[in-house]
Amino acid sequence: MILAIDCGNSRLKWGLHDGHRWLRTGAASLPELARLKAAWKKIPRPTQSSSPTSPAGVRRRLEAALSAARR
């Protein structure tokens, strides 16, 4: 499972891909990143994540949200 994340200047889009198809997708504005914890708790645990364009500060917040969702 791959959690792909596309982060722009004001919004983030994400999708969970199983290697064949998109299983789940979603979006959030950057101020709403904390809401991702709840959404990501409902998806299968990804084995990889990809976010090549996220600024460092946003990347840290994403990593925190993903870590909290895995607990």
PDB file of N, CA and C in Angstrom:
ATOM      1  N   MET A   1       0.833  -1.173   0.000  1.00  0.00           N
ATOM      2  CA  MET A   1       0.000   0.000   0.000  1.00  0.00           C
ATOM      3  C   MET A   1       0.885   1.246   0.000  1.00  0.00           C
ATOM      4  N   ILE A   2       0.583   2.152  -0.885  1.00  0.00           N
ATOM      5  CA  ILE A   2       1.336   3.398  -0.980  1.00  0.00           C
ATOM      6  C   ILE A   2       0.396   4.554  -0.678  1.00  0.00           C
ATOM      7  N   LEU A   3       0.778   5.392   0.259  1.00  0.00           N
ATOM      8  CA  LEU A   3       0.050   6.617   0.546  1.00  0.00           C
ATOM      9  C   LEU A   3       0.747   7.732  -0.218  1.00  0.00           C
ATOM     10  N   ALA A   4       0.122   8.209  -1.295  1.00  0.00           N
ATOM     11  CA  ALA A   4       0.679   9.281  -2.121  1.00  0.00           C
ATOM     12  C   ALA A   4       0.078  10.600  -1.663  1.00  0.00           C
ATOM     13  N   ILE A   5       0.927  11.612  -1.503  1.00  0.00           N
ATOM     14  CA  ILE A   5       0.502  12.914  -1.002  1.00  0.00           C
ATOM     15  C   ILE A   5       0.993  13.990  -1.955  1.00  0.00           C
ATOM     16  N   ASP A   6       0.073  14.851  -2.377  1.00  0.00           N
ATOM     17  CA  ASP A   6       0.398  15.990  -3.235  1.00  0.00           C
ATOM     18  C   ASP A   6       0.071  17.245  -2.448  1.00  0.00           C
ATOM     19  N   CYS A   7       1.093  17.984  -2.076  1.00  0.00           N
ATOM     20  CA  CYS A   7       0.910  19.155  -1.226  1.00  0.00           C
ATOM     21  C   CYS A   7       1.228  20.415  -2.017  1.00  0.00           C
ATOM     22  N   GLY A   8       0.234  21.299  -2.123  1.00  0.00           N
ATOM     23  CA  GLY A   8       0.424  22.577  -2.793  1.00  0.00           C
ATOM     24  C   GLY A   8       0.591  23.694  -1.778  1.00  0.00           C
ATOM     25  N   ASN A   9       0.343  24.912  -2.206  1.00  0.00           N
ATOM     26  CA  ASN A   9       0.499  26.070  -1.322  1.00  0.00           C
ATOM     27  C   ASN A   9      -0.630  26.216  -0.323  1.00  0.00           C
ATOM     28  N   SER A  10      -1.806  25.720  -0.655  1.00  0.00           N
ATOM     29  CA  SER A  10      -2.945  25.929   0.233  1.00  0.00           C
ATOM     30  C   SER A  10      -3.715  24.660   0.539  1.00  0.00           C
ATOM     31  N   ARG A  11      -3.433  23.577  -0.174  1.00  0.00           N
ATOM     32  CA  ARG A  11      -4.245  22.374  -0.028  1.00  0.00           C
ATOM     33  C   ARG A  11      -3.402  21.123  -0.241  1.00  0.00           C
ATOM     34  N   LEU A  12      -3.826  20.053   0.372  1.00  0.00           N
ATOM     35  CA  LEU A  12      -3.158  18.770   0.255  1.00  0.00           C
ATOM     36  C   LEU A  12      -4.155  17.755  -0.285  1.00  0.00           C
ATOM     37  N   LYS A  13      -3.725  16.927  -1.235  1.00  0.00           N
ATOM     38  CA  LYS A  13      -4.534  15.825  -1.737  1.00  0.00           C
ATOM     39  C   LYS A  13      -3.778  14.536  -1.442  1.00  0.00           C
ATOM     40  N   TRP A  14      -4.497  13.479  -1.130  1.00  0.00           N
ATOM     41  CA  TRP A  14      -3.852  12.210  -0.829  1.00  0.00           C
ATOM     42  C   TRP A  14      -4.642  11.063  -1.446  1.00  0.00           C
ATOM     43  N   GLY A  15      -3.958   9.947  -1.619  1.00  0.00           N
ATOM     44  CA  GLY A  15      -4.606   8.742  -2.123  1.00  0.00           C
ATOM     45  C   GLY A  15      -3.857   7.508  -1.653  1.00  0.00           C
ATOM     46  N   LEU A  16      -4.594   6.458  -1.407  1.00  0.00           N
ATOM     47  CA  LEU A  16      -4.011   5.173  -1.018  1.00  0.00           C
ATOM     48  C   LEU A  16      -4.118   4.237  -2.218  1.00  0.00           C
ATOM     49  N   HIS A  17      -2.959   3.761  -2.693  1.00  0.00           N
ATOM     50  CA  HIS A  17      -2.896   2.926  -3.897  1.00  0.00           C
ATOM     51  C   HIS A  17      -2.365   1.545  -3.524  1.00  0.00           C
ATOM     52  N   ASP A  18      -3.010   0.513  -4.055  1.00  0.00           N
ATOM     53  CA  ASP A  18      -2.583  -0.850  -3.718  1.00  0.00           C
ATOM     54  C   ASP A  18      -1.676  -1.480  -4.770  1.00  0.00           C
ATOM     55  N   GLY A  19      -1.231  -0.682  -5.744  1.00  0.00           N
ATOM     56  CA  GLY A  19      -0.395  -1.208  -6.815  1.00  0.00           C
ATOM     57  C   GLY A  19      -1.178  -1.444  -8.095  1.00  0.00           C
ATOM     58  N   HIS A  20      -2.509  -1.458  -7.953  1.00  0.00           N
ATOM     59  CA  HIS A  20      -3.377  -1.664  -9.114  1.00  0.00           C
ATOM     60  C   HIS A  20      -4.416  -0.562  -9.266  1.00  0.00           C
ATOM     61  N   ARG A  21      -4.873  -0.046  -8.144  1.00  0.00           N
ATOM     62  CA  ARG A  21      -5.932   0.962  -8.205  1.00  0.00           C
ATOM     63  C   ARG A  21      -5.910   1.831  -6.949  1.00  0.00           C
ATOM     64  N   TRP A  22      -6.606   2.969  -7.023  1.00  0.00           N
ATOM     65  CA  TRP A  22      -6.752   3.860  -5.875  1.00  0.00           C
ATOM     66  C   TRP A  22      -7.860   3.311  -4.982  1.00  0.00           C
ATOM     67  N   LEU A  23      -7.543   3.070  -3.722  1.00  0.00           N
ATOM     68  CA  LEU A  23      -8.527   2.546  -2.781  1.00  0.00           C
ATOM     69  C   LEU A  23      -9.293   3.659  -2.075  1.00  0.00           C
ATOM     70  N   ARG A  24      -8.596   4.709  -1.704  1.00  0.00           N
ATOM     71  CA  ARG A  24      -9.208   5.857  -1.024  1.00  0.00           C
ATOM     72  C   ARG A  24      -8.474   7.110  -1.452  1.00  0.00           C
ATOM     73  N   THR A  25      -9.196   8.221  -1.470  1.00  0.00           N
ATOM     74  CA  THR A  25      -8.591   9.518  -1.742  1.00  0.00           C
ATOM     75  C   THR A  25      -9.230  10.554  -0.844  1.00  0.00           C
ATOM     76  N   GLY A  26      -8.558  11.683  -0.681  1.00  0.00           N
ATOM     77  CA  GLY A  26      -9.102  12.764   0.124  1.00  0.00           C
ATOM     78  C   GLY A  26      -8.318  14.037  -0.089  1.00  0.00           C
ATOM     79  N   ALA A  27      -8.787  15.101   0.549  1.00  0.00           N
ATOM     80  CA  ALA A  27      -8.128  16.403   0.439  1.00  0.00           C
ATOM     81  C   ALA A  27      -8.384  17.192   1.713  1.00  0.00           C
ATOM     82  N   ALA A  28      -7.493  18.136   2.002  1.00  0.00           N
ATOM     83  CA  ALA A  28      -7.639  19.016   3.161  1.00  0.00           C
ATOM     84  C   ALA A  28      -6.851  20.293   2.891  1.00  0.00           C
ATOM     85  N   SER A  29      -7.356  21.395   3.413  1.00  0.00           N
ATOM     86  CA  SER A  29      -6.564  22.628   3.336  1.00  0.00           C
ATOM     87  C   SER A  29      -5.424  22.497   4.341  1.00  0.00           C
ATOM     88  N   LEU A  30      -4.352  23.241   4.140  1.00  0.00           N
ATOM     89  CA  LEU A  30      -3.194  23.110   5.042  1.00  0.00           C
ATOM     90  C   LEU A  30      -3.544  23.419   6.497  1.00  0.00           C
ATOM     91  N   PRO A  31      -4.401  24.419   6.794  1.00  0.00           N
ATOM     92  CA  PRO A  31      -4.754  24.627   8.194  1.00  0.00           C
ATOM     93  C   PRO A  31      -5.547  23.467   8.809  1.00  0.00           C
ATOM     94  N   GLU A  32      -6.095  22.590   7.980  1.00  0.00           N
ATOM     95  CA  GLU A  32      -6.898  21.471   8.470  1.00  0.00           C
ATOM     96  C   GLU A  32      -6.134  20.152   8.519  1.00  0.00           C
ATOM     97  N   LEU A  33      -4.819  20.172   8.467  1.00  0.00           N
ATOM     98  CA  LEU A  33      -4.043  18.934   8.409  1.00  0.00           C
ATOM     99  C   LEU A  33      -4.297  18.017   9.594  1.00  0.00           C
ATOM    100  N   ALA A  34      -4.625  18.560  10.733  1.00  0.00           N
ATOM    101  CA  ALA A  34      -4.883  17.719  11.903  1.00  0.00           C
ATOM    102  C   ALA A  34      -6.061  16.775  11.652  1.00  0.00           C
ATOM    103  N   ARG A  35      -6.985  17.156  10.767  1.00  0.00           N
ATOM    104  CA  ARG A  35      -8.129  16.285  10.461  1.00  0.00           C
ATOM    105  C   ARG A  35      -7.704  15.013   9.743  1.00  0.00           C
ATOM    106  N   LEU A  36      -6.528  15.007   9.161  1.00  0.00           N
ATOM    107  CA  LEU A  36      -6.066  13.823   8.446  1.00  0.00           C
ATOM    108  C   LEU A  36      -5.895  12.632   9.382  1.00  0.00           C
ATOM    109  N   LYS A  37      -5.587  12.886  10.639  1.00  0.00           N
ATOM    110  CA  LYS A  37      -5.415  11.778  11.592  1.00  0.00           C
ATOM    111  C   LYS A  37      -6.642  10.890  11.598  1.00  0.00           C
ATOM    112  N   ALA A  38      -7.821  11.499  11.666  1.00  0.00           N
ATOM    113  CA  ALA A  38      -9.062  10.726  11.702  1.00  0.00           C
ATOM    114  C   ALA A  38      -9.280   9.975  10.392  1.00  0.00           C
ATOM    115  N   ALA A  39      -9.026  10.631   9.269  1.00  0.00           N
ATOM    116  CA  ALA A  39      -9.214   9.980   7.964  1.00  0.00           C
ATOM    117  C   ALA A  39      -8.233   8.829   7.790  1.00  0.00           C
ATOM    118  N   TRP A  40      -6.992   9.031   8.189  1.00  0.00           N
ATOM    119  CA  TRP A  40      -5.975   8.015   7.982  1.00  0.00           C
ATOM    120  C   TRP A  40      -6.099   6.854   8.962  1.00  0.00           C
ATOM    121  N   LYS A  41      -6.811   7.027  10.072  1.00  0.00           N
ATOM    122  CA  LYS A  41      -7.050   5.896  10.976  1.00  0.00           C
ATOM    123  C   LYS A  41      -7.992   4.881  10.348  1.00  0.00           C
ATOM    124  N   LYS A  42      -8.768   5.310   9.343  1.00  0.00           N
ATOM    125  CA  LYS A  42      -9.773   4.457   8.721  1.00  0.00           C
ATOM    126  C   LYS A  42      -9.261   3.709   7.500  1.00  0.00           C
ATOM    127  N   ILE A  43      -8.005   3.929   7.108  1.00  0.00           N
ATOM    128  CA  ILE A  43      -7.471   3.266   5.921  1.00  0.00           C
ATOM    129  C   ILE A  43      -6.495   2.176   6.341  1.00  0.00           C
ATOM    130  N   PRO A  44      -6.262   1.182   5.463  1.00  0.00           N
ATOM    131  CA  PRO A  44      -5.234   0.184   5.769  1.00  0.00           C
ATOM    132  C   PRO A  44      -3.874   0.861   5.943  1.00  0.00           C
ATOM    133  N   ARG A  45      -3.059   0.297   6.775  1.00  0.00           N
ATOM    134  CA  ARG A  45      -1.739   0.878   7.037  1.00  0.00           C
ATOM    135  C   ARG A  45      -0.867   0.825   5.786  1.00  0.00           C
ATOM    136  N   PRO A  46      -0.386   1.983   5.328  1.00  0.00           N
ATOM    137  CA  PRO A  46       0.480   1.966   4.143  1.00  0.00           C
ATOM    138  C   PRO A  46       1.853   1.398   4.461  1.00  0.00           C
ATOM    139  N   THR A  47       2.466   0.783   3.463  1.00  0.00           N
ATOM    140  CA  THR A  47       3.829   0.285   3.625  1.00  0.00           C
ATOM    141  C   THR A  47       4.839   1.325   3.164  1.00  0.00           C
ATOM    142  N   GLN A  48       4.371   2.300   2.366  1.00  0.00           N
ATOM    143  CA  GLN A  48       5.209   3.384   1.870  1.00  0.00           C
ATOM    144  C   GLN A  48       4.389   4.661   1.842  1.00  0.00           C
ATOM    145  N   SER A  49       5.089   5.779   1.909  1.00  0.00           N
ATOM    146  CA  SER A  49       4.423   7.053   1.664  1.00  0.00           C
ATOM    147  C   SER A  49       5.321   7.880   0.756  1.00  0.00           C
ATOM    148  N   SER A  50       4.685   8.719  -0.039  1.00  0.00           N
ATOM    149  CA  SER A  50       5.413   9.534  -0.997  1.00  0.00           C
ATOM    150  C   SER A  50       4.849  10.939  -0.978  1.00  0.00           C
ATOM    151  N   SER A  51       5.716  11.918  -0.720  1.00  0.00           N
ATOM    152  CA  SER A  51       5.316  13.320  -0.715  1.00  0.00           C
ATOM    153  C   SER A  51       6.502  14.155  -1.174  1.00  0.00           C
ATOM    154  N   PRO A  52       6.823  14.096  -2.454  1.00  0.00           N
ATOM    155  CA  PRO A  52       8.045  14.739  -2.933  1.00  0.00           C
ATOM    156  C   PRO A  52       8.043  16.262  -2.898  1.00  0.00           C
ATOM    157  N   THR A  53       6.877  16.908  -2.825  1.00  0.00           N
ATOM    158  CA  THR A  53       6.844  18.363  -2.951  1.00  0.00           C
ATOM    159  C   THR A  53       6.522  19.098  -1.667  1.00  0.00           C
ATOM    160  N   SER A  54       6.338  18.410  -0.575  1.00  0.00           N
ATOM    161  CA  SER A  54       5.931  19.068   0.664  1.00  0.00           C
ATOM    162  C   SER A  54       7.058  19.905   1.264  1.00  0.00           C
ATOM    163  N   PRO A  55       6.765  21.164   1.642  1.00  0.00           N
ATOM    164  CA  PRO A  55       7.753  21.959   2.366  1.00  0.00           C
ATOM    165  C   PRO A  55       8.087  21.293   3.701  1.00  0.00           C
ATOM    166  N   ALA A  56       9.259  21.559   4.249  1.00  0.00           N
ATOM    167  CA  ALA A  56       9.728  20.891   5.465  1.00  0.00           C
ATOM    168  C   ALA A  56       8.740  21.023   6.617  1.00  0.00           C
ATOM    169  N   GLY A  57       8.193  22.193   6.867  1.00  0.00           N
ATOM    170  CA  GLY A  57       7.258  22.373   7.977  1.00  0.00           C
ATOM    171  C   GLY A  57       5.990  21.567   7.795  1.00  0.00           C
ATOM    172  N   VAL A  58       5.495  21.517   6.582  1.00  0.00           N
ATOM    173  CA  VAL A  58       4.292  20.734   6.296  1.00  0.00           C
ATOM    174  C   VAL A  58       4.623  19.255   6.391  1.00  0.00           C
ATOM    175  N   ARG A  59       5.791  18.878   5.908  1.00  0.00           N
ATOM    176  CA  ARG A  59       6.201  17.468   5.969  1.00  0.00           C
ATOM    177  C   ARG A  59       6.231  16.970   7.412  1.00  0.00           C
ATOM    178  N   ARG A  60       6.723  17.774   8.339  1.00  0.00           N
ATOM    179  CA  ARG A  60       6.749  17.369   9.751  1.00  0.00           C
ATOM    180  C   ARG A  60       5.333  17.175  10.289  1.00  0.00           C
ATOM    181  N   ARG A  61       4.416  18.075   9.909  1.00  0.00           N
ATOM    182  CA  ARG A  61       3.028  17.940  10.356  1.00  0.00           C
ATOM    183  C   ARG A  61       2.364  16.700   9.758  1.00  0.00           C
ATOM    184  N   LEU A  62       2.694  16.396   8.515  1.00  0.00           N
ATOM    185  CA  LEU A  62       2.163  15.193   7.881  1.00  0.00           C
ATOM    186  C   LEU A  62       2.685  13.935   8.565  1.00  0.00           C
ATOM    187  N   GLU A  63       3.975  13.926   8.843  1.00  0.00           N
ATOM    188  CA  GLU A  63       4.569  12.771   9.517  1.00  0.00           C
ATOM    189  C   GLU A  63       3.939  12.564  10.889  1.00  0.00           C
ATOM    190  N   ALA A  64       3.659  13.648  11.602  1.00  0.00           N
ATOM    191  CA  ALA A  64       3.002  13.553  12.908  1.00  0.00           C
ATOM    192  C   ALA A  64       1.598  12.994  12.761  1.00  0.00           C
ATOM    193  N   ALA A  65       0.862  13.448  11.747  1.00  0.00           N
ATOM    194  CA  ALA A  65      -0.497  12.961  11.528  1.00  0.00           C
ATOM    195  C   ALA A  65      -0.483  11.486  11.169  1.00  0.00           C
ATOM    196  N   LEU A  66       0.436  11.067  10.318  1.00  0.00           N
ATOM    197  CA  LEU A  66       0.520   9.670   9.924  1.00  0.00           C
ATOM    198  C   LEU A  66       0.941   8.801  11.103  1.00  0.00           C
ATOM    199  N   SER A  67       1.889   9.279  11.882  1.00  0.00           N
ATOM    200  CA  SER A  67       2.336   8.529  13.060  1.00  0.00           C
ATOM    201  C   SER A  67       1.186   8.359  14.062  1.00  0.00           C
ATOM    202  N   ALA A  68       0.432   9.407  14.295  1.00  0.00           N
ATOM    203  CA  ALA A  68      -0.700   9.333  15.229  1.00  0.00           C
ATOM    204  C   ALA A  68      -1.770   8.367  14.704  1.00  0.00           C
ATOM    205  N   ALA A  69      -1.970   8.333  13.403  1.00  0.00           N
ATOM    206  CA  ALA A  69      -2.983   7.456  12.814  1.00  0.00           C
ATOM    207  C   ALA A  69      -2.586   5.994  12.929  1.00  0.00           C
ATOM    208  N   ARG A  70      -1.305   5.713  12.999  1.00  0.00           N
ATOM    209  CA  ARG A  70      -0.832   4.323  13.064  1.00  0.00           C
ATOM    210  C   ARG A  70      -0.928   3.731  14.458  1.00  0.00           C
ATOM    211  N   ARG A  71      -1.182   4.556  15.449  1.00  0.00           N
ATOM    212  CA  ARG A  71      -1.244   4.051  16.840  1.00  0.00           C
ATOM    213  C   ARG A  71      -2.533   3.339  17.098  1.00  0.00           C
TER     214      ARG A  71
END
